[in-house]
Every structure is written in structure tokens, then in C-alpha cells.
Amino acid sequence: MEELFTPIANLGFPIVVSIYLLVRVEGKLGKLTDSINELSRVLSQNFGS
């Protein structure tokens, strides 16, 4: 029975950590994208053509 749990634990843990990190990074990338778009808008208004 333990032979069955070892591969699952070895494979499952990295998957769970990867999913957790991807979800966190996704939120931060969304905020960064919004900030870049806002910066672009402000620069366009101030120095726009």
C-alpha cells in the first residue's frame, strides 16, 4: 500500500505547489497589466500626439 502512496506524493506535491504559484502569479500579472495600461493612458494624455 505504501508503494502506491509514494509516487502519488512525489508527483502530487509539485503539482499542487505549481498550481498555487500559477494562481498567485496570474493575479499579479493582471494588476501589472492594468498598471501598464493606465501608465500608457496617462503618458498619452500628457505627451500624446
PDB file of N, CA and C in Angstrom:
ATOM      1  N   MET A   1       0.827  -1.196   0.000  1.00  0.00           N
ATOM      2  CA  MET A   1       0.000   0.000   0.000  1.00  0.00           C
ATOM      3  C   MET A   1       0.871   1.260   0.000  1.00  0.00           C
ATOM      4  N   GLU A   2       1.953   1.236   0.762  1.00  0.00           N
ATOM      5  CA  GLU A   2       2.848   2.389   0.819  1.00  0.00           C
ATOM      6  C   GLU A   2       3.510   2.636  -0.532  1.00  0.00           C
ATOM      7  N   GLU A   3       3.714   1.565  -1.301  1.00  0.00           N
ATOM      8  CA  GLU A   3       4.316   1.718  -2.630  1.00  0.00           C
ATOM      9  C   GLU A   3       3.415   2.546  -3.545  1.00  0.00           C
ATOM     10  N   LEU A   4       2.133   2.517  -3.272  1.00  0.00           N
ATOM     11  CA  LEU A   4       1.185   3.282  -4.072  1.00  0.00           C
ATOM     12  C   LEU A   4       1.200   4.762  -3.690  1.00  0.00           C
ATOM     13  N   PHE A   5       1.360   5.065  -2.410  1.00  0.00           N
ATOM     14  CA  PHE A   5       1.308   6.445  -1.940  1.00  0.00           C
ATOM     15  C   PHE A   5       2.562   7.242  -2.281  1.00  0.00           C
ATOM     16  N   THR A   6       3.700   6.591  -2.336  1.00  0.00           N
ATOM     17  CA  THR A   6       4.955   7.306  -2.583  1.00  0.00           C
ATOM     18  C   THR A   6       4.958   8.021  -3.937  1.00  0.00           C
ATOM     19  N   PRO A   7       4.648   7.337  -5.042  1.00  0.00           N
ATOM     20  CA  PRO A   7       4.634   8.065  -6.329  1.00  0.00           C
ATOM     21  C   PRO A   7       3.576   9.171  -6.374  1.00  0.00           C
ATOM     22  N   ILE A   8       2.427   8.917  -5.754  1.00  0.00           N
ATOM     23  CA  ILE A   8       1.380   9.942  -5.737  1.00  0.00           C
ATOM     24  C   ILE A   8       1.861  11.159  -4.958  1.00  0.00           C
ATOM     25  N   ALA A   9       2.493  10.932  -3.825  1.00  0.00           N
ATOM     26  CA  ALA A   9       3.002  12.038  -3.015  1.00  0.00           C
ATOM     27  C   ALA A   9       4.109  12.778  -3.749  1.00  0.00           C
ATOM     28  N   ASN A  10       4.986  12.040  -4.406  1.00  0.00           N
ATOM     29  CA  ASN A  10       6.096  12.671  -5.122  1.00  0.00           C
ATOM     30  C   ASN A  10       5.609  13.473  -6.322  1.00  0.00           C
ATOM     31  N   LEU A  11       4.567  13.017  -6.965  1.00  0.00           N
ATOM     32  CA  LEU A  11       4.039  13.720  -8.129  1.00  0.00           C
ATOM     33  C   LEU A  11       3.022  14.782  -7.721  1.00  0.00           C
ATOM     34  N   GLY A  12       2.193  14.479  -6.752  1.00  0.00           N
ATOM     35  CA  GLY A  12       1.109  15.376  -6.366  1.00  0.00           C
ATOM     36  C   GLY A  12       1.572  16.663  -5.718  1.00  0.00           C
ATOM     37  N   PHE A  13       2.563  16.582  -4.859  1.00  0.00           N
ATOM     38  CA  PHE A  13       3.033  17.779  -4.156  1.00  0.00           C
ATOM     39  C   PHE A  13       3.542  18.848  -5.122  1.00  0.00           C
ATOM     40  N   PRO A  14       4.417  18.504  -6.073  1.00  0.00           N
ATOM     41  CA  PRO A  14       4.865  19.544  -7.018  1.00  0.00           C
ATOM     42  C   PRO A  14       3.724  20.125  -7.851  1.00  0.00           C
ATOM     43  N   ILE A  15       2.739  19.302  -8.176  1.00  0.00           N
ATOM     44  CA  ILE A  15       1.600  19.799  -8.951  1.00  0.00           C
ATOM     45  C   ILE A  15       0.804  20.809  -8.137  1.00  0.00           C
ATOM     46  N   VAL A  16       0.554  20.495  -6.883  1.00  0.00           N
ATOM     47  CA  VAL A  16      -0.199  21.404  -6.016  1.00  0.00           C
ATOM     48  C   VAL A  16       0.559  22.717  -5.842  1.00  0.00           C
ATOM     49  N   VAL A  17       1.856  22.647  -5.619  1.00  0.00           N
ATOM     50  CA  VAL A  17       2.661  23.865  -5.456  1.00  0.00           C
ATOM     51  C   VAL A  17       2.651  24.680  -6.748  1.00  0.00           C
ATOM     52  N   SER A  18       2.775  24.018  -7.885  1.00  0.00           N
ATOM     53  CA  SER A  18       2.770  24.719  -9.171  1.00  0.00           C
ATOM     54  C   SER A  18       1.451  25.433  -9.416  1.00  0.00           C
ATOM     55  N   ILE A  19       0.350  24.762  -9.140  1.00  0.00           N
ATOM     56  CA  ILE A  19      -0.966  25.378  -9.334  1.00  0.00           C
ATOM     57  C   ILE A  19      -1.125  26.584  -8.413  1.00  0.00           C
ATOM     58  N   TYR A  20      -0.717  26.437  -7.172  1.00  0.00           N
ATOM     59  CA  TYR A  20      -0.810  27.545  -6.211  1.00  0.00           C
ATOM     60  C   TYR A  20      -0.016  28.760  -6.708  1.00  0.00           C
ATOM     61  N   LEU A  21       1.213  28.517  -7.157  1.00  0.00           N
ATOM     62  CA  LEU A  21       2.051  29.623  -7.626  1.00  0.00           C
ATOM     63  C   LEU A  21       1.492  30.251  -8.894  1.00  0.00           C
ATOM     64  N   LEU A  22       0.964  29.437  -9.802  1.00  0.00           N
ATOM     65  CA  LEU A  22       0.387  29.979 -11.031  1.00  0.00           C
ATOM     66  C   LEU A  22      -0.819  30.867 -10.745  1.00  0.00           C
ATOM     67  N   VAL A  23      -1.645  30.462  -9.807  1.00  0.00           N
ATOM     68  CA  VAL A  23      -2.817  31.264  -9.451  1.00  0.00           C
ATOM     69  C   VAL A  23      -2.378  32.598  -8.853  1.00  0.00           C
ATOM     70  N   ARG A  24      -1.374  32.570  -7.991  1.00  0.00           N
ATOM     71  CA  ARG A  24      -0.883  33.818  -7.386  1.00  0.00           C
ATOM     72  C   ARG A  24      -0.263  34.734  -8.437  1.00  0.00           C
ATOM     73  N   VAL A  25       0.543  34.169  -9.326  1.00  0.00           N
ATOM     74  CA  VAL A  25       1.214  34.968 -10.352  1.00  0.00           C
ATOM     75  C   VAL A  25       0.190  35.543 -11.327  1.00  0.00           C
ATOM     76  N   GLU A  26      -0.855  34.781 -11.625  1.00  0.00           N
ATOM     77  CA  GLU A  26      -1.876  35.255 -12.553  1.00  0.00           C
ATOM     78  C   GLU A  26      -2.526  36.545 -12.048  1.00  0.00           C
ATOM     79  N   GLY A  27      -2.840  36.584 -10.774  1.00  0.00           N
ATOM     80  CA  GLY A  27      -3.434  37.793 -10.198  1.00  0.00           C
ATOM     81  C   GLY A  27      -2.495  38.981 -10.266  1.00  0.00           C
ATOM     82  N   LYS A  28      -1.241  38.742  -9.986  1.00  0.00           N
ATOM     83  CA  LYS A  28      -0.264  39.830 -10.018  1.00  0.00           C
ATOM     84  C   LYS A  28      -0.023  40.309 -11.449  1.00  0.00           C
ATOM     85  N   LEU A  29      -0.038  39.390 -12.413  1.00  0.00           N
ATOM     86  CA  LEU A  29       0.131  39.791 -13.807  1.00  0.00           C
ATOM     87  C   LEU A  29      -1.049  40.638 -14.276  1.00  0.00           C
ATOM     88  N   GLY A  30      -2.237  40.312 -13.808  1.00  0.00           N
ATOM     89  CA  GLY A  30      -3.413  41.114 -14.150  1.00  0.00           C
ATOM     90  C   GLY A  30      -3.289  42.534 -13.632  1.00  0.00           C
ATOM     91  N   LYS A  31      -2.835  42.668 -12.399  1.00  0.00           N
ATOM     92  CA  LYS A  31      -2.648  44.005 -11.817  1.00  0.00           C
ATOM     93  C   LYS A  31      -1.551  44.768 -12.560  1.00  0.00           C
ATOM     94  N   LEU A  32      -0.486  44.071 -12.919  1.00  0.00           N
ATOM     95  CA  LEU A  32       0.608  44.706 -13.647  1.00  0.00           C
ATOM     96  C   LEU A  32       0.137  45.183 -15.017  1.00  0.00           C
ATOM     97  N   THR A  33      -0.656  44.372 -15.689  1.00  0.00           N
ATOM     98  CA  THR A  33      -1.204  44.754 -16.987  1.00  0.00           C
ATOM     99  C   THR A  33      -2.078  45.995 -16.864  1.00  0.00           C
ATOM    100  N   ASP A  34      -2.924  46.031 -15.847  1.00  0.00           N
ATOM    101  CA  ASP A  34      -3.772  47.206 -15.624  1.00  0.00           C
ATOM    102  C   ASP A  34      -2.927  48.450 -15.367  1.00  0.00           C
ATOM    103  N   SER A  35      -1.869  48.315 -14.585  1.00  0.00           N
ATOM    104  CA  SER A  35      -0.995  49.451 -14.280  1.00  0.00           C
ATOM    105  C   SER A  35      -0.287  49.953 -15.528  1.00  0.00           C
ATOM    106  N   ILE A  36       0.166  49.049 -16.365  1.00  0.00           N
ATOM    107  CA  ILE A  36       0.848  49.446 -17.603  1.00  0.00           C
ATOM    108  C   ILE A  36      -0.126  50.161 -18.535  1.00  0.00           C
ATOM    109  N   ASN A  37      -1.348  49.655 -18.621  1.00  0.00           N
ATOM    110  CA  ASN A  37      -2.356  50.319 -19.458  1.00  0.00           C
ATOM    111  C   ASN A  37      -2.677  51.715 -18.933  1.00  0.00           C
ATOM    112  N   GLU A  38      -2.780  51.857 -17.626  1.00  0.00           N
ATOM    113  CA  GLU A  38      -3.041  53.170 -17.024  1.00  0.00           C
ATOM    114  C   GLU A  38      -1.874  54.123 -17.284  1.00  0.00           C
ATOM    115  N   LEU A  39      -0.655  53.629 -17.143  1.00  0.00           N
ATOM    116  CA  LEU A  39       0.531  54.449 -17.417  1.00  0.00           C
ATOM    117  C   LEU A  39       0.538  54.903 -18.872  1.00  0.00           C
ATOM    118  N   SER A  40       0.211  54.004 -19.759  1.00  0.00           N
ATOM    119  CA  SER A  40       0.161  54.344 -21.180  1.00  0.00           C
ATOM    120  C   SER A  40      -0.880  55.425 -21.446  1.00  0.00           C
ATOM    121  N   ARG A  41      -2.038  55.313 -20.797  1.00  0.00           N
ATOM    122  CA  ARG A  41      -3.100  56.306 -20.971  1.00  0.00           C
ATOM    123  C   ARG A  41      -2.656  57.677 -20.466  1.00  0.00           C
ATOM    124  N   VAL A  42      -2.032  57.709 -19.288  1.00  0.00           N
ATOM    125  CA  VAL A  42      -1.582  58.975 -18.705  1.00  0.00           C
ATOM    126  C   VAL A  42      -0.491  59.604 -19.563  1.00  0.00           C
ATOM    127  N   LEU A  43       0.453  58.803 -20.018  1.00  0.00           N
ATOM    128  CA  LEU A  43       1.519  59.337 -20.871  1.00  0.00           C
ATOM    129  C   LEU A  43       0.953  59.867 -22.179  1.00  0.00           C
ATOM    130  N   SER A  44      -0.043  59.185 -22.699  1.00  0.00           N
ATOM    131  CA  SER A  44      -0.690  59.626 -23.932  1.00  0.00           C
ATOM    132  C   SER A  44      -1.362  60.979 -23.743  1.00  0.00           C
ATOM    133  N   GLN A  45      -2.000  61.164 -22.603  1.00  0.00           N
ATOM    134  CA  GLN A  45      -2.676  62.431 -22.336  1.00  0.00           C
ATOM    135  C   GLN A  45      -1.674  63.566 -22.147  1.00  0.00           C
ATOM    136  N   ASN A  46      -0.564  63.281 -21.481  1.00  0.00           N
ATOM    137  CA  ASN A  46       0.408  64.330 -21.166  1.00  0.00           C
ATOM    138  C   ASN A  46       1.362  64.629 -22.315  1.00  0.00           C
ATOM    139  N   PHE A  47       1.768  63.610 -23.030  1.00  0.00           N
ATOM    140  CA  PHE A  47       2.765  63.796 -24.086  1.00  0.00           C
ATOM    141  C   PHE A  47       2.250  63.320 -25.433  1.00  0.00           C
ATOM    142  N   GLY A  48       0.965  63.075 -25.516  1.00  0.00           N
ATOM    143  CA  GLY A  48       0.361  62.453 -26.697  1.00  0.00           C
ATOM    144  C   GLY A  48       0.495  63.267 -27.960  1.00  0.00           C
ATOM    145  N   SER A  49       0.306  62.550 -29.008  1.00  0.00           N
ATOM    146  CA  SER A  49       0.412  63.189 -30.315  1.00  0.00           C
ATOM    147  C   SER A  49      -0.939  63.566 -30.857  1.00  0.00           C
TER     148      SER A  49
END
